[in-house]
C-alpha cells in the first residue's frame, strides 16, 4: 500500500457522515451528499465529485455565517475524505487541523472527539501504524483515546460504541476492547438510522468472530467504514 506519495488515509468523520443518513431526502445538504459518497457510491470519480459539491456548499454557508460550526465540520470532512481518495498529504493535514480546532473549541462534543479519533485510526487502517505515523503523523494511541472519549460523551446509543468497535477491529480483530464495544453496540439503544446501521455492521462482525473467522471479521469491519466498499 505504501507509495512515494502514500497517503490513502486522511480522514473525515463517519459520525457526522452517518447523521445525514437519517435526515429527510428533501434537500441536498452537505451531510446527505457526503453520506451518499461515503456509504453508497462505488465509483471513485463520482464520489470525488460529490465531495466537491459538499465542500462547496459548506464553504458557501461559512461565507454567510463564519461561526457556523456545522458547516466547518462538514467542510473539514469533505476535505479529509478527498485526501483519503486522492492520497493527498496536504489535505490530510488540513482536515486534521480543522478537526482538532473543533474539538478544542468544545471538549464536550462527541462528534469532534470522534473526528480526531477517526482521523488517526482510519489512517492506521489504511496504511498500517508505522507508515501512518511517518506519512501524516497519525498515532494509534491518540485515536483510541479520542474514540473512547467520543463513546463516553455520546451516551448509550449504539453508534459511538459501534464506530469505535469497527475501527479497532479493522486494525486488529483480536482487540478485546473492540469486541466488548461491538457487543455493547449490538444491543444498545438504536433510536436513529445511523445507530441501526452501526448495529447491523457490528452484529455481522461479531458473528464472524464467534465462528472463529477473525480475518473475515476484520474485512467486514473495514468494509463497514466510509468508502470501505468503494471501487478504487
Protein backbone atom coordinates (compact mmCIF):
# COMPACT_ATOMS: atom_id res chain seq x y z
CA UNK A 1 0.00 0.00 0.00
CA UNK A 2 2.95 2.35 0.52
CA UNK A 3 3.84 4.58 -2.40
CA UNK A 4 6.14 7.52 -2.94
CA UNK A 5 3.05 9.60 -2.22
CA UNK A 6 1.49 7.15 0.23
CA UNK A 7 -1.45 8.98 1.70
CA UNK A 8 -4.51 6.80 1.43
CA UNK A 9 -5.96 7.97 4.71
CA UNK A 10 -6.94 11.46 5.59
CA UNK A 11 -9.96 11.11 7.36
CA UNK A 12 -13.25 12.66 7.69
CA UNK A 13 -15.83 11.96 10.29
CA UNK A 14 -18.04 8.92 9.99
CA UNK A 15 -20.12 10.20 12.92
CA UNK A 16 -21.06 13.32 11.06
CA UNK A 17 -21.45 11.48 7.77
CA UNK A 18 -23.79 8.91 9.19
CA UNK A 19 -26.01 11.51 10.80
CA UNK A 20 -27.01 12.55 7.29
CA UNK A 21 -28.47 9.15 6.61
CA UNK A 22 -31.38 9.78 8.96
CA UNK A 23 -32.17 13.21 7.51
CA UNK A 24 -35.09 13.77 5.13
CA UNK A 25 -34.14 13.39 1.47
CA UNK A 26 -35.74 16.69 0.51
CA UNK A 27 -32.59 18.80 0.18
CA UNK A 28 -29.07 18.18 -0.98
CA UNK A 29 -27.38 19.13 2.26
CA UNK A 30 -23.65 18.58 2.69
CA UNK A 31 -24.38 15.79 5.17
CA UNK A 32 -26.61 13.96 2.73
CA UNK A 33 -24.18 14.36 -0.16
CA UNK A 34 -21.25 13.08 1.90
CA UNK A 35 -23.34 10.19 3.22
CA UNK A 36 -24.14 9.15 -0.33
CA UNK A 37 -20.47 9.34 -1.31
CA UNK A 38 -19.17 7.51 1.74
CA UNK A 39 -21.67 4.70 2.07
CA UNK A 40 -23.40 4.17 -1.26
CA UNK A 41 -21.25 5.36 -4.14
CA UNK A 42 -18.99 2.69 -5.62
CA UNK A 43 -17.26 4.79 -8.30
CA UNK A 44 -14.30 6.93 -7.21
CA UNK A 45 -14.74 9.84 -9.69
CA UNK A 46 -18.41 10.10 -8.72
CA UNK A 47 -17.51 10.10 -5.04
CA UNK A 48 -14.93 12.84 -5.56
CA UNK A 49 -17.48 14.97 -7.42
CA UNK A 50 -19.95 14.51 -4.58
CA UNK A 51 -17.33 15.54 -2.02
CA UNK A 52 -16.55 18.65 -4.06
CA UNK A 53 -20.23 19.56 -4.08
CA UNK A 54 -20.49 19.12 -0.32
CA UNK A 55 -17.36 21.18 0.30
CA UNK A 56 -18.63 23.99 -1.91
CA UNK A 57 -21.99 24.12 -0.17
CA UNK A 58 -20.38 24.15 3.27
CA UNK A 59 -17.93 26.85 2.18
CA UNK A 60 -20.81 28.99 0.93
CA UNK A 61 -22.57 28.56 4.27
CA UNK A 62 -19.44 29.76 6.04
CA UNK A 63 -19.30 32.85 3.86
CA UNK A 64 -22.78 33.71 5.09
CA UNK A 65 -22.08 32.67 8.69
CA UNK A 66 -18.39 32.26 9.62
CA UNK A 67 -19.38 30.91 13.06
CA UNK A 68 -21.39 28.02 11.60
CA UNK A 69 -19.84 25.04 13.39
CA UNK A 70 -21.82 22.51 11.37
CA UNK A 71 -20.52 23.93 8.11
CA UNK A 72 -16.95 23.92 9.43
CA UNK A 73 -17.25 20.28 10.39
CA UNK A 74 -18.69 19.24 7.05
CA UNK A 75 -16.15 21.20 5.05
CA UNK A 76 -13.35 19.55 7.02
CA UNK A 77 -14.93 16.18 6.49
CA UNK A 78 -15.15 16.69 2.73
CA UNK A 79 -11.50 17.76 2.64
CA UNK A 80 -10.48 14.75 4.69
CA UNK A 81 -12.31 12.28 2.53
CA UNK A 82 -10.91 13.86 -0.62
CA UNK A 83 -7.46 13.38 0.88
CA UNK A 84 -8.26 9.74 1.57
CA UNK A 85 -9.32 9.11 -2.02
CA UNK A 86 -6.64 11.21 -3.72
CA UNK A 87 -3.76 10.31 -1.39
CA UNK A 88 -3.17 13.97 -0.54
CA UNK A 89 -0.93 14.69 2.43
CA UNK A 90 -1.74 18.40 2.34
CA UNK A 91 -5.47 17.81 2.55
CA UNK A 92 -4.97 15.17 5.23
CA UNK A 93 -3.13 17.59 7.48
CA UNK A 94 -5.60 20.39 6.74
CA UNK A 95 -8.51 18.19 7.79
CA UNK A 96 -6.75 17.10 10.95
CA UNK A 97 -6.04 20.70 11.96
CA UNK A 98 -9.68 21.64 11.49
CA UNK A 99 -10.95 18.65 13.46
CA UNK A 100 -8.56 19.40 16.31
CA UNK A 101 -9.68 23.02 16.36
CA UNK A 102 -13.32 21.98 16.60
CA UNK A 103 -12.53 19.53 19.41
CA UNK A 104 -10.58 22.14 21.35
CA UNK A 105 -13.38 24.68 20.98
CA UNK A 106 -15.91 22.28 22.55
CA UNK A 107 -14.35 19.50 24.64
CA UNK A 108 -17.81 18.05 25.33
CA UNK A 109 -18.63 17.47 21.67
CA UNK A 110 -18.68 13.74 20.94
CA UNK A 111 -18.60 14.32 17.19
CA UNK A 112 -15.48 16.44 17.40
CA UNK A 113 -13.70 13.91 19.60
CA UNK A 114 -14.75 11.20 17.18
CA UNK A 115 -13.44 13.24 14.27
CA UNK A 116 -9.98 13.39 15.75
CA UNK A 117 -10.05 9.75 16.79
CA UNK A 118 -11.27 8.54 13.42
CA UNK A 119 -8.65 10.60 11.60
CA UNK A 120 -5.88 8.75 13.43
CA UNK A 121 -7.38 5.25 13.41
CA UNK A 122 -8.61 5.26 9.84
CA UNK A 123 -5.10 6.22 8.76
CA UNK A 124 -3.80 3.18 10.63
CA UNK A 125 -6.47 1.00 8.99
CA UNK A 126 -5.41 2.19 5.53
CA UNK A 127 -1.65 2.44 5.93
CA UNK A 128 -0.62 0.47 8.97
CA UNK A 129 0.66 2.09 12.13
CA UNK A 130 4.26 2.73 11.10
CA UNK A 131 3.53 4.22 7.68
CA UNK A 132 0.59 6.26 9.00
CA UNK A 133 2.87 7.78 11.62
CA UNK A 134 5.65 8.58 9.19
CA UNK A 135 3.40 9.87 6.43
CA UNK A 136 0.97 12.12 8.28
CA UNK A 137 1.68 11.77 11.99
CA UNK A 138 -1.30 9.55 12.71
CA UNK A 139 -0.99 7.80 16.07
CA UNK A 140 -2.99 4.77 17.18
CA UNK A 141 -2.89 5.67 20.92
CA UNK A 142 -4.31 9.14 20.23
CA UNK A 143 -7.01 7.66 18.06
CA UNK A 144 -8.00 5.08 20.64
CA UNK A 145 -8.14 7.67 23.42
CA UNK A 146 -10.25 10.06 21.36
CA UNK A 147 -12.68 7.34 20.32
CA UNK A 148 -13.06 6.27 23.95
CA UNK A 149 -13.80 9.89 24.74
CA UNK A 150 -16.41 10.02 21.97
CA UNK A 151 -18.07 6.90 23.37
CA UNK A 152 -18.14 8.41 26.86
CA UNK A 153 -19.56 11.71 25.61
CA UNK A 154 -22.00 10.14 23.17
CA UNK A 155 -24.21 8.47 25.75
CA UNK A 156 -25.51 4.95 25.49
CA UNK A 157 -26.51 4.94 21.83
CA UNK A 158 -25.24 2.19 19.55
CA UNK A 159 -23.48 4.44 17.08
CA UNK A 160 -20.50 5.73 19.01
CA UNK A 161 -19.57 2.38 20.53
CA UNK A 162 -20.17 0.69 17.19
CA UNK A 163 -17.91 3.05 15.29
CA UNK A 164 -15.15 2.69 17.87
CA UNK A 165 -15.51 -1.09 17.69
CA UNK A 166 -15.28 -1.20 13.91
CA UNK A 167 -12.16 0.95 13.86
CA UNK A 168 -10.46 -1.19 16.49
CA UNK A 169 -11.46 -4.49 14.88
CA UNK A 170 -10.46 -3.30 11.41
CA UNK A 171 -6.96 -2.81 12.82
CA UNK A 172 -6.93 -5.95 14.98
CA UNK A 173 -9.82 -8.45 15.07
CA UNK A 174 -8.43 -9.77 18.37
CA UNK A 175 -8.75 -6.40 20.09
CA UNK A 176 -10.58 -7.25 23.32
CA UNK A 177 -11.87 -3.70 23.83
CA UNK A 178 -13.14 -3.69 20.25
CA UNK A 179 -15.07 -6.89 20.82
CA UNK A 180 -16.52 -5.53 24.05
CA UNK A 181 -17.64 -2.33 22.34
CA UNK A 182 -19.15 -4.30 19.48
CA UNK A 183 -21.07 -6.48 21.91
CA UNK A 184 -22.39 -3.41 23.71
CA UNK A 185 -23.36 -1.70 20.45
CA UNK A 186 -25.20 -4.80 19.23
CA UNK A 187 -27.82 -4.41 21.97
CA UNK A 188 -27.60 -0.69 22.79
CA UNK A 189 -30.48 1.71 22.14
CA UNK A 190 -30.75 2.49 18.43
CA UNK A 191 -33.16 5.44 18.08
CA UNK A 192 -31.88 6.63 14.71
CA UNK A 193 -30.96 5.10 11.37
CA UNK A 194 -27.26 5.63 11.99
CA UNK A 195 -27.49 3.58 15.19
CA UNK A 196 -29.29 0.77 13.41
CA UNK A 197 -26.78 0.77 10.57
CA UNK A 198 -23.90 0.52 13.02
CA UNK A 199 -25.68 -2.22 14.93
CA UNK A 200 -26.12 -4.24 11.76
CA UNK A 201 -22.43 -3.89 10.97
CA UNK A 202 -21.16 -4.92 14.40
CA UNK A 203 -23.56 -7.85 14.55
CA UNK A 204 -22.11 -9.17 11.29
CA UNK A 205 -18.57 -8.71 12.60
CA UNK A 206 -19.42 -10.43 15.88
CA UNK A 207 -20.92 -13.38 14.02
CA UNK A 208 -17.68 -13.85 12.11
CA UNK A 209 -15.66 -13.60 15.33
CA UNK A 210 -17.86 -16.16 17.08
CA UNK A 211 -17.32 -18.51 14.14
CA UNK A 212 -13.56 -18.17 14.56
CA UNK A 213 -13.19 -16.23 11.31
CA UNK A 214 -11.04 -13.37 12.52
CA UNK A 215 -9.75 -12.49 9.06
CA UNK A 216 -13.27 -12.18 7.69
CA UNK A 217 -14.32 -10.15 10.73
CA UNK A 218 -11.53 -7.67 10.08
CA UNK A 219 -12.55 -7.41 6.43
CA UNK A 220 -16.19 -6.81 7.35
CA UNK A 221 -15.15 -4.12 9.81
CA UNK A 222 -13.09 -2.34 7.15
CA UNK A 223 -15.91 -2.56 4.62
CA UNK A 224 -18.33 -1.04 7.12
CA UNK A 225 -16.28 2.15 7.44
CA UNK A 226 -16.85 5.05 4.99
CA UNK A 227 -15.62 4.22 1.47
CA UNK A 228 -14.96 0.67 2.62
CA UNK A 229 -16.69 -0.73 -0.45
CA UNK A 230 -15.56 1.87 -2.98
CA UNK A 231 -14.02 0.58 -6.20
CA UNK A 232 -10.57 2.20 -6.20
